[in-house]
Amino acid sequence: MSFFGELYLRSTLPFLSEAVTAREVDFLARAFADVPGPEPVVDLGCGHGRHAARLNASGPLAGRVIGLELDALSLSMRRPGFPAVQGDLRALPFREASLAGAYAWYSTLAAFTDAEHVHILREVARMLRPGGRWVFQTVPYERMEASPQAAFRQTLPDGSVLEESSHFDPRTGRDTGLRTLTTPDGRCLRASYALRYYPLAEWVGLLESTGFSVMWVKGGLEGEPLGPQSTDLIVGAERRHG
């Protein structure tokens, strides 16, 4: 089965608490606070809308957030309060220079090939107006390199049993794994995945080659600098003029 869809939703939603979501939303609100309107800001890979619904309801992006999600099940579970379209990151359904900003959270960009990452960044640059803001969050390469093997087993609140094992190869920057979810009624949902992580210098090179200038880099939701113990890599970039 596909990794994204029911397996992904049922295995990740229990870990995405309202408190964590609120902190992430606060960070995004600050990151876009100085981006003038009236053009929209798009949540790329919005899932069920845990960020978009809050950002669209109040704060500096109120009434300006739209979501984009490929998975139909996620869209069917969308929280009310923001518009969304079904679409692929590799073929964004937005006009050139029509948006003021975009963001992608939770390693949304990691699930593609190197060539696709270049294409996606060019697509994001295409749809942003000059000076538009681009923010994305992922896991630092160094954190993956320090713990290349991972495995766990946990019982979720609904009684499902979640099992996962993964291996990160620092030569390719790719983390490959297998996730299994056994539901209380005996269903077994299982799929493999491969996620790509880049060192910061490579991210900067990718962004600069696709039309962006890096504005800032953060290592966490409090705006702390990126360091050896950082759990997040959050980058803010601007669509270059010209």
Protein backbone atom coordinates (compact mmCIF):
# COMPACT_ATOMS: atom_id res chain seq x y z
CA MET A 1 0.00 0.00 0.00
CA SER A 2 1.01 3.65 -0.29
CA PHE A 3 2.89 5.11 2.66
CA PHE A 4 0.90 8.32 2.46
CA GLY A 5 -2.81 8.00 3.08
CA GLU A 6 -4.49 5.92 5.79
CA LEU A 7 -1.26 4.45 7.16
CA TYR A 8 0.42 7.84 7.43
CA LEU A 9 -2.61 9.55 8.95
CA ARG A 10 -3.37 6.87 11.54
CA SER A 11 0.26 6.58 12.59
CA THR A 12 1.12 10.30 12.82
CA LEU A 13 -2.02 12.04 14.10
CA PRO A 14 -1.65 10.66 17.66
CA PHE A 15 1.73 12.42 17.92
CA LEU A 16 0.56 15.82 16.63
CA SER A 17 -0.89 17.34 19.78
CA GLU A 18 -2.80 20.61 19.82
CA ALA A 19 -0.05 22.11 21.98
CA VAL A 20 2.65 21.24 19.42
CA THR A 21 0.47 22.52 16.59
CA ALA A 22 -0.10 25.80 18.44
CA ARG A 23 3.66 26.34 18.83
CA GLU A 24 4.26 25.62 15.15
CA VAL A 25 1.45 27.98 14.14
CA ASP A 26 2.93 30.72 16.33
CA PHE A 27 6.28 30.26 14.59
CA LEU A 28 4.70 30.45 11.14
CA ALA A 29 2.69 33.53 12.09
CA ARG A 30 5.90 35.29 13.13
CA ALA A 31 7.70 34.10 9.99
CA PHE A 32 5.05 35.70 7.74
CA ALA A 33 4.14 38.68 9.93
CA ASP A 34 5.92 41.18 7.67
CA VAL A 35 4.69 39.76 4.35
CA PRO A 36 2.22 42.23 2.85
CA GLY A 37 -0.97 41.17 1.11
CA PRO A 38 -3.37 40.76 -0.36
CA GLU A 39 -2.04 37.73 -2.26
CA PRO A 40 -2.54 34.33 -0.62
CA VAL A 41 -0.03 32.17 1.24
CA VAL A 42 -0.21 28.45 0.46
CA ASP A 43 0.32 25.52 2.83
CA LEU A 44 2.05 22.93 0.63
CA GLY A 45 1.12 19.44 1.79
CA CYS A 46 -1.50 20.82 4.17
CA GLY A 47 -2.75 17.36 5.20
CA HIS A 48 -5.88 17.75 7.31
CA GLY A 49 -5.11 21.42 7.87
CA ARG A 50 -3.82 21.62 11.41
CA HIS A 51 -1.71 24.70 10.54
CA ALA A 52 -3.80 26.25 7.78
CA ALA A 53 -7.07 26.29 9.74
CA ARG A 54 -5.53 28.23 12.63
CA LEU A 55 -3.47 30.60 10.51
CA ASN A 56 -6.45 31.46 8.33
CA ALA A 57 -8.64 32.21 11.35
CA SER A 58 -6.57 34.92 13.05
CA GLY A 59 -3.25 36.72 13.06
CA PRO A 60 -1.23 38.21 10.21
CA LEU A 61 -2.38 35.61 7.67
CA ALA A 62 -6.09 35.66 8.54
CA GLY A 63 -8.17 35.09 5.43
CA ARG A 64 -5.13 34.56 3.20
CA VAL A 65 -4.19 30.88 3.67
CA ILE A 66 -5.05 28.17 1.16
CA GLY A 67 -4.03 24.52 1.31
CA LEU A 68 -2.69 22.10 -1.25
CA GLU A 69 -2.73 18.35 -0.64
CA LEU A 70 -2.45 15.32 -2.91
CA ASP A 71 -3.97 12.72 -0.58
CA ALA A 72 -7.77 12.54 -0.92
CA LEU A 73 -8.26 10.98 2.53
CA SER A 74 -6.42 13.85 4.21
CA LEU A 75 -8.57 16.35 2.34
CA SER A 76 -11.73 14.51 3.38
CA MET A 77 -10.66 15.01 7.01
CA ARG A 78 -9.81 18.68 6.51
CA ARG A 79 -10.52 21.01 9.38
CA PRO A 80 -13.02 23.73 8.50
CA GLY A 81 -12.06 27.33 7.97
CA PHE A 82 -9.76 27.43 4.94
CA PRO A 83 -9.98 26.62 1.22
CA ALA A 84 -7.90 23.78 -0.23
CA VAL A 85 -7.21 22.19 -3.57
CA GLN A 86 -6.00 18.73 -4.49
CA GLY A 87 -2.71 18.89 -6.31
CA ASP A 88 0.85 17.67 -6.70
CA LEU A 89 3.91 19.58 -5.51
CA ARG A 90 5.56 18.73 -8.80
CA ALA A 91 2.86 20.57 -10.80
CA LEU A 92 1.53 23.36 -8.63
CA PRO A 93 -1.88 24.62 -9.84
CA PHE A 94 -1.15 28.31 -9.28
CA ARG A 95 -0.44 31.12 -11.74
CA GLU A 96 3.02 32.62 -12.05
CA ALA A 97 3.83 35.25 -9.38
CA SER A 98 0.31 34.93 -7.92
CA LEU A 99 1.18 34.16 -4.28
CA ALA A 100 2.80 36.15 -1.49
CA GLY A 101 4.22 33.14 0.31
CA ALA A 102 4.36 29.41 0.82
CA TYR A 103 5.36 27.02 3.56
CA ALA A 104 5.90 23.28 3.92
CA TRP A 105 6.16 21.58 7.30
CA TYR A 106 7.09 18.16 8.67
CA SER A 107 9.63 17.21 5.98
CA THR A 108 7.01 17.47 3.25
CA LEU A 109 9.79 18.04 0.72
CA ALA A 110 11.75 14.94 1.73
CA ALA A 111 9.74 12.32 -0.15
CA PHE A 112 11.10 12.98 -3.63
CA THR A 113 14.19 12.37 -5.75
CA ASP A 114 16.98 14.92 -6.05
CA ALA A 115 15.82 15.93 -9.52
CA GLU A 116 12.24 16.32 -8.28
CA HIS A 117 13.41 18.53 -5.40
CA VAL A 118 15.01 20.92 -7.90
CA HIS A 119 11.83 20.91 -9.98
CA ILE A 120 9.60 21.51 -6.92
CA LEU A 121 11.69 24.45 -5.75
CA ARG A 122 11.49 25.95 -9.23
CA GLU A 123 7.72 25.47 -9.13
CA VAL A 124 7.51 27.26 -5.78
CA ALA A 125 9.66 30.10 -7.16
CA ARG A 126 7.42 30.32 -10.24
CA MET A 127 4.23 30.82 -8.26
CA LEU A 128 5.66 33.34 -5.78
CA ARG A 129 5.80 37.03 -6.59
CA PRO A 130 9.27 38.64 -6.44
CA GLY A 131 10.07 39.13 -2.76
CA GLY A 132 7.62 36.35 -1.79
CA ARG A 133 8.42 34.34 1.35
CA TRP A 134 9.23 30.60 1.37
CA VAL A 135 9.49 28.72 4.68
CA PHE A 136 10.08 25.02 5.17
CA GLN A 137 10.86 22.69 8.07
CA THR A 138 12.75 19.42 8.02
CA VAL A 139 15.18 17.35 10.11
CA PRO A 140 18.84 18.39 10.22
CA TYR A 141 21.14 16.09 8.25
CA GLU A 142 23.53 15.99 11.22
CA ARG A 143 20.82 14.65 13.51
CA MET A 144 20.10 11.81 11.10
CA GLU A 145 23.83 11.12 10.70
CA ALA A 146 24.32 10.89 14.47
CA SER A 147 21.56 8.26 14.84
CA PRO A 148 21.44 6.34 11.54
CA GLN A 149 19.53 3.35 12.94
CA ALA A 150 16.10 3.69 14.48
CA ALA A 151 13.44 1.23 15.61
CA PHE A 152 10.45 1.42 17.89
CA ARG A 153 7.20 -0.26 18.83
CA GLN A 154 4.34 1.56 20.51
CA THR A 155 0.68 1.04 21.28
CA LEU A 156 -1.40 4.03 20.20
CA PRO A 157 -4.37 5.45 22.11
CA ASP A 158 -6.89 3.61 19.88
CA GLY A 159 -5.19 0.27 20.60
CA SER A 160 -3.32 0.04 17.30
CA VAL A 161 0.27 -1.18 17.45
CA LEU A 162 2.80 0.90 15.53
CA GLU A 163 6.16 -0.59 14.54
CA GLU A 164 8.90 1.03 12.50
CA SER A 165 12.53 0.49 11.59
CA SER A 166 14.73 2.76 9.48
CA HIS A 167 18.29 3.29 8.31
CA PHE A 168 19.94 6.55 7.25
CA ASP A 169 22.75 6.39 4.69
CA PRO A 170 24.94 9.53 5.03
CA ARG A 171 26.46 8.94 1.58
CA THR A 172 23.12 9.35 -0.17
CA GLY A 173 21.35 11.43 2.48
CA ARG A 174 18.42 9.03 2.25
CA ASP A 175 16.53 7.53 5.18
CA THR A 176 14.73 4.30 4.24
CA GLY A 177 12.31 2.50 6.49
CA LEU A 178 9.34 0.23 6.95
CA ARG A 179 6.26 1.19 8.96
CA THR A 180 3.59 -1.27 10.11
CA LEU A 181 0.33 -0.45 11.85
CA THR A 182 -1.81 -3.28 13.23
CA THR A 183 -5.30 -2.09 14.11
CA PRO A 184 -7.44 -3.44 16.98
CA ASP A 185 -9.62 -5.31 14.47
CA GLY A 186 -6.57 -7.11 13.04
CA ARG A 187 -5.93 -5.08 9.89
CA CYS A 188 -2.26 -4.74 8.97
CA LEU A 189 -1.21 -1.56 7.16
CA ARG A 190 2.40 -1.72 5.97
CA ALA A 191 4.52 0.36 3.60
CA SER A 192 8.12 1.37 3.03
CA TYR A 193 9.38 4.90 2.60
CA ALA A 194 12.50 6.80 1.53
CA LEU A 195 13.13 10.37 2.71
CA ARG A 196 15.93 12.68 1.55
CA TYR A 197 17.83 14.96 3.94
CA TYR A 198 20.44 17.52 2.89
CA PRO A 199 23.17 19.30 4.86
CA LEU A 200 22.44 23.00 5.23
CA ALA A 201 25.09 24.00 2.69
CA GLU A 202 23.37 21.82 0.09
CA TRP A 203 19.99 23.34 0.91
CA VAL A 204 21.44 26.81 0.43
CA GLY A 205 22.88 25.76 -2.93
CA LEU A 206 19.57 24.28 -4.05
CA LEU A 207 17.66 27.41 -3.06
CA GLU A 208 20.09 29.81 -4.69
CA SER A 209 20.05 27.79 -7.92
CA THR A 210 16.25 27.83 -8.13
CA GLY A 211 15.56 31.54 -7.63
CA PHE A 212 15.75 32.09 -3.86
CA SER A 213 17.93 33.95 -1.39
CA VAL A 214 18.17 32.52 2.12
CA MET A 215 17.02 35.05 4.74
CA TRP A 216 17.44 33.07 7.94
CA VAL A 217 17.97 29.59 9.38
CA LYS A 218 16.55 28.40 12.70
CA GLY A 219 17.09 25.29 14.79
CA GLY A 220 13.77 25.29 16.65
CA LEU A 221 10.39 26.86 17.26
CA GLU A 222 11.73 29.48 19.64
CA GLY A 223 13.92 30.89 16.90
CA GLU A 224 17.10 29.44 18.34
CA PRO A 225 20.14 29.08 16.04
CA LEU A 226 20.84 25.79 14.32
CA GLY A 227 23.28 23.71 16.35
CA PRO A 228 24.48 20.13 16.95
CA GLN A 229 21.53 19.36 19.23
CA SER A 230 18.82 20.95 17.08
CA THR A 231 15.77 18.82 16.33
CA ASP A 232 14.55 21.11 13.53
CA LEU A 233 15.97 22.77 10.48
CA ILE A 234 13.71 25.67 9.53
CA VAL A 235 14.67 27.87 6.60
CA GLY A 236 13.21 31.16 5.50
CA ALA A 237 13.95 32.32 1.94
CA GLU A 238 12.86 35.07 -0.42
CA ARG A 239 11.96 34.82 -4.09
CA ARG A 240 14.63 36.90 -5.80
CA HIS A 241 13.67 39.87 -7.92
CA GLY A 242 14.47 39.52 -11.57
